[in-house]
Amino acid sequence: MEHTRFHKIKRRIMLRVYYVYTKRLVMHPLTLHLAVLTAAIYAVGYFVHVAAVLRNLSTVPVGEVLVFLQRAVLHTEGITLLVLGVAILSLLSLPIQLPSLRRGLRLFMQTA
């Protein structure tokens, strides 16, 4: 009887520990950053037919690539520009998040 009660208490405590750990992992800035980046890349793939863009880009002479990209950006929809901007900004700001990951891993290794 006492043995079973001890295991129930231990199980309840460990479930709470797992819950807190999972919550901390999900709410970590790097995790949220990667979630935004993943959603933005998925949305770019949804709104833009990437294969067609690459196919069209391959037919453009090398000297006119910037003109092609400028024309493509100017003639696209606003939502596509917004999603593309979010994807680019989150990709460029990803290195800013990496030092916080290293600090967190270092603190984790010191406490372990």
C-alpha atoms as a PDB file:
ATOM      1  CA  MET A   1       0.000   0.000   0.000  1.00  0.00           C
ATOM      2  CA  GLU A   2       2.720   2.435   1.019  1.00  0.00           C
ATOM      3  CA  HIS A   3       4.814   1.343  -1.945  1.00  0.00           C
ATOM      4  CA  THR A   4       1.989   2.076  -4.424  1.00  0.00           C
ATOM      5  CA  ARG A   5       1.296   5.480  -2.905  1.00  0.00           C
ATOM      6  CA  PHE A   6       4.983   6.390  -3.172  1.00  0.00           C
ATOM      7  CA  HIS A   7       4.990   5.518  -6.897  1.00  0.00           C
ATOM      8  CA  LYS A   8       1.852   7.572  -7.513  1.00  0.00           C
ATOM      9  CA  ILE A   9       3.409  10.600  -5.806  1.00  0.00           C
ATOM     10  CA  LYS A  10       6.668  10.072  -7.693  1.00  0.00           C
ATOM     11  CA  ARG A  11       4.794   9.781 -10.996  1.00  0.00           C
ATOM     12  CA  ARG A  12       2.803  12.964 -10.312  1.00  0.00           C
ATOM     13  CA  ILE A  13       5.979  14.896  -9.450  1.00  0.00           C
ATOM     14  CA  MET A  14       7.798  13.626 -12.529  1.00  0.00           C
ATOM     15  CA  LEU A  15       4.857  14.580 -14.775  1.00  0.00           C
ATOM     16  CA  ARG A  16       5.073  18.112 -13.417  1.00  0.00           C
ATOM     17  CA  VAL A  17       8.821  18.171 -14.036  1.00  0.00           C
ATOM     18  CA  TYR A  18       8.296  17.018 -17.627  1.00  0.00           C
ATOM     19  CA  TYR A  19       5.583  19.631 -18.077  1.00  0.00           C
ATOM     20  CA  VAL A  20       7.819  22.465 -16.850  1.00  0.00           C
ATOM     21  CA  TYR A  21      10.742  21.246 -18.956  1.00  0.00           C
ATOM     22  CA  THR A  22       8.595  21.031 -22.091  1.00  0.00           C
ATOM     23  CA  LYS A  23       7.129  24.465 -21.443  1.00  0.00           C
ATOM     24  CA  ARG A  24      10.600  25.973 -21.022  1.00  0.00           C
ATOM     25  CA  LEU A  25      11.778  24.295 -24.215  1.00  0.00           C
ATOM     26  CA  VAL A  26       8.775  25.458 -26.234  1.00  0.00           C
ATOM     27  CA  MET A  27       8.920  29.028 -24.900  1.00  0.00           C
ATOM     28  CA  HIS A  28      12.669  29.385 -25.520  1.00  0.00           C
ATOM     29  CA  PRO A  29      13.348  32.283 -27.907  1.00  0.00           C
ATOM     30  CA  LEU A  30      15.320  30.099 -30.298  1.00  0.00           C
ATOM     31  CA  THR A  31      12.473  27.576 -30.525  1.00  0.00           C
ATOM     32  CA  LEU A  32       9.980  30.332 -31.267  1.00  0.00           C
ATOM     33  CA  HIS A  33      12.387  31.850 -33.781  1.00  0.00           C
ATOM     34  CA  LEU A  34      12.752  28.532 -35.592  1.00  0.00           C
ATOM     35  CA  ALA A  35       8.976  28.060 -35.573  1.00  0.00           C
ATOM     36  CA  VAL A  36       8.489  31.454 -37.250  1.00  0.00           C
ATOM     37  CA  LEU A  37      11.225  30.660 -39.778  1.00  0.00           C
ATOM     38  CA  THR A  38       9.696  27.260 -40.579  1.00  0.00           C
ATOM     39  CA  ALA A  39       6.206  28.725 -40.969  1.00  0.00           C
ATOM     40  CA  ALA A  40       7.522  31.523 -43.192  1.00  0.00           C
ATOM     41  CA  ILE A  41       9.426  29.115 -45.439  1.00  0.00           C
ATOM     42  CA  TYR A  42       6.337  26.914 -45.703  1.00  0.00           C
ATOM     43  CA  ALA A  43       4.221  29.971 -46.559  1.00  0.00           C
ATOM     44  CA  VAL A  44       6.697  31.081 -49.234  1.00  0.00           C
ATOM     45  CA  GLY A  45       6.403  27.627 -50.778  1.00  0.00           C
ATOM     46  CA  TYR A  46       2.615  27.897 -50.586  1.00  0.00           C
ATOM     47  CA  PHE A  47       2.344  31.360 -52.168  1.00  0.00           C
ATOM     48  CA  VAL A  48       5.210  31.073 -54.683  1.00  0.00           C
ATOM     49  CA  HIS A  49       5.742  28.320 -57.197  1.00  0.00           C
ATOM     50  CA  VAL A  50       9.463  28.087 -56.464  1.00  0.00           C
ATOM     51  CA  ALA A  51      10.219  25.627 -59.274  1.00  0.00           C
ATOM     52  CA  ALA A  52       8.710  28.004 -61.847  1.00  0.00           C
ATOM     53  CA  VAL A  53      10.704  30.935 -60.474  1.00  0.00           C
ATOM     54  CA  LEU A  54      13.935  28.942 -60.650  1.00  0.00           C
ATOM     55  CA  ARG A  55      13.091  27.751 -64.157  1.00  0.00           C
ATOM     56  CA  ASN A  56      12.456  31.339 -65.286  1.00  0.00           C
ATOM     57  CA  LEU A  57      15.598  32.515 -63.496  1.00  0.00           C
ATOM     58  CA  SER A  58      17.684  29.939 -65.368  1.00  0.00           C
ATOM     59  CA  THR A  59      16.640  31.457 -68.724  1.00  0.00           C
ATOM     60  CA  VAL A  60      17.731  34.978 -67.745  1.00  0.00           C
ATOM     61  CA  PRO A  61      21.207  36.102 -68.852  1.00  0.00           C
ATOM     62  CA  VAL A  62      23.640  36.548 -65.962  1.00  0.00           C
ATOM     63  CA  GLY A  63      23.861  40.318 -66.346  1.00  0.00           C
ATOM     64  CA  GLU A  64      20.083  40.713 -66.047  1.00  0.00           C
ATOM     65  CA  VAL A  65      19.453  38.648 -62.900  1.00  0.00           C
ATOM     66  CA  LEU A  66      19.049  41.711 -60.665  1.00  0.00           C
ATOM     67  CA  VAL A  67      16.632  43.278 -63.150  1.00  0.00           C
ATOM     68  CA  PHE A  68      14.649  40.027 -63.239  1.00  0.00           C
ATOM     69  CA  LEU A  69      14.497  39.836 -59.436  1.00  0.00           C
ATOM     70  CA  GLN A  70      13.513  43.512 -59.187  1.00  0.00           C
ATOM     71  CA  ARG A  71      10.743  43.032 -61.746  1.00  0.00           C
ATOM     72  CA  ALA A  72       9.559  39.873 -59.950  1.00  0.00           C
ATOM     73  CA  VAL A  73       9.374  41.674 -56.599  1.00  0.00           C
ATOM     74  CA  LEU A  74       7.576  44.691 -58.053  1.00  0.00           C
ATOM     75  CA  HIS A  75       4.912  42.547 -59.724  1.00  0.00           C
ATOM     76  CA  THR A  76       4.082  40.187 -56.881  1.00  0.00           C
ATOM     77  CA  GLU A  77       1.220  40.342 -54.375  1.00  0.00           C
ATOM     78  CA  GLY A  78       1.518  42.085 -51.032  1.00  0.00           C
ATOM     79  CA  ILE A  79       1.005  38.955 -48.929  1.00  0.00           C
ATOM     80  CA  THR A  80       3.822  37.222 -50.799  1.00  0.00           C
ATOM     81  CA  LEU A  81       6.121  40.166 -50.124  1.00  0.00           C
ATOM     82  CA  LEU A  82       5.176  40.107 -46.452  1.00  0.00           C
ATOM     83  CA  VAL A  83       5.825  36.386 -46.098  1.00  0.00           C
ATOM     84  CA  LEU A  84       9.079  36.652 -48.030  1.00  0.00           C
ATOM     85  CA  GLY A  85      10.166  39.550 -45.811  1.00  0.00           C
ATOM     86  CA  VAL A  86       9.418  37.587 -42.644  1.00  0.00           C
ATOM     87  CA  ALA A  87      11.363  34.605 -43.972  1.00  0.00           C
ATOM     88  CA  ILE A  88      14.368  36.731 -44.918  1.00  0.00           C
ATOM     89  CA  LEU A  89      14.376  38.675 -41.641  1.00  0.00           C
ATOM     90  CA  SER A  90      14.059  35.564 -39.513  1.00  0.00           C
ATOM     91  CA  LEU A  91      16.814  33.840 -41.484  1.00  0.00           C
ATOM     92  CA  LEU A  92      19.137  36.841 -41.175  1.00  0.00           C
ATOM     93  CA  SER A  93      18.433  37.302 -37.464  1.00  0.00           C
ATOM     94  CA  LEU A  94      18.980  33.631 -36.632  1.00  0.00           C
ATOM     95  CA  PRO A  95      22.707  34.130 -35.813  1.00  0.00           C
ATOM     96  CA  ILE A  96      21.650  36.605 -33.119  1.00  0.00           C
ATOM     97  CA  GLN A  97      19.828  33.777 -31.313  1.00  0.00           C
ATOM     98  CA  LEU A  98      22.729  31.326 -31.427  1.00  0.00           C
ATOM     99  CA  PRO A  99      24.777  32.909 -28.580  1.00  0.00           C
ATOM    100  CA  SER A 100      21.775  32.531 -26.263  1.00  0.00           C
ATOM    101  CA  LEU A 101      21.623  28.844 -27.206  1.00  0.00           C
ATOM    102  CA  ARG A 102      25.321  28.435 -26.427  1.00  0.00           C
ATOM    103  CA  ARG A 103      24.887  30.197 -23.062  1.00  0.00           C
ATOM    104  CA  GLY A 104      21.944  27.974 -22.226  1.00  0.00           C
ATOM    105  CA  LEU A 105      23.844  24.834 -23.145  1.00  0.00           C
ATOM    106  CA  ARG A 106      26.847  25.955 -21.110  1.00  0.00           C
ATOM    107  CA  LEU A 107      24.640  26.617 -18.062  1.00  0.00           C
ATOM    108  CA  PHE A 108      22.933  23.273 -18.552  1.00  0.00           C
ATOM    109  CA  MET A 109      26.255  21.440 -18.696  1.00  0.00           C
ATOM    110  CA  GLN A 110      27.475  23.223 -15.541  1.00  0.00           C
ATOM    111  CA  THR A 111      24.405  22.178 -13.558  1.00  0.00           C
ATOM    112  CA  ALA A 112      24.450  18.596 -14.813  1.00  0.00           C
END
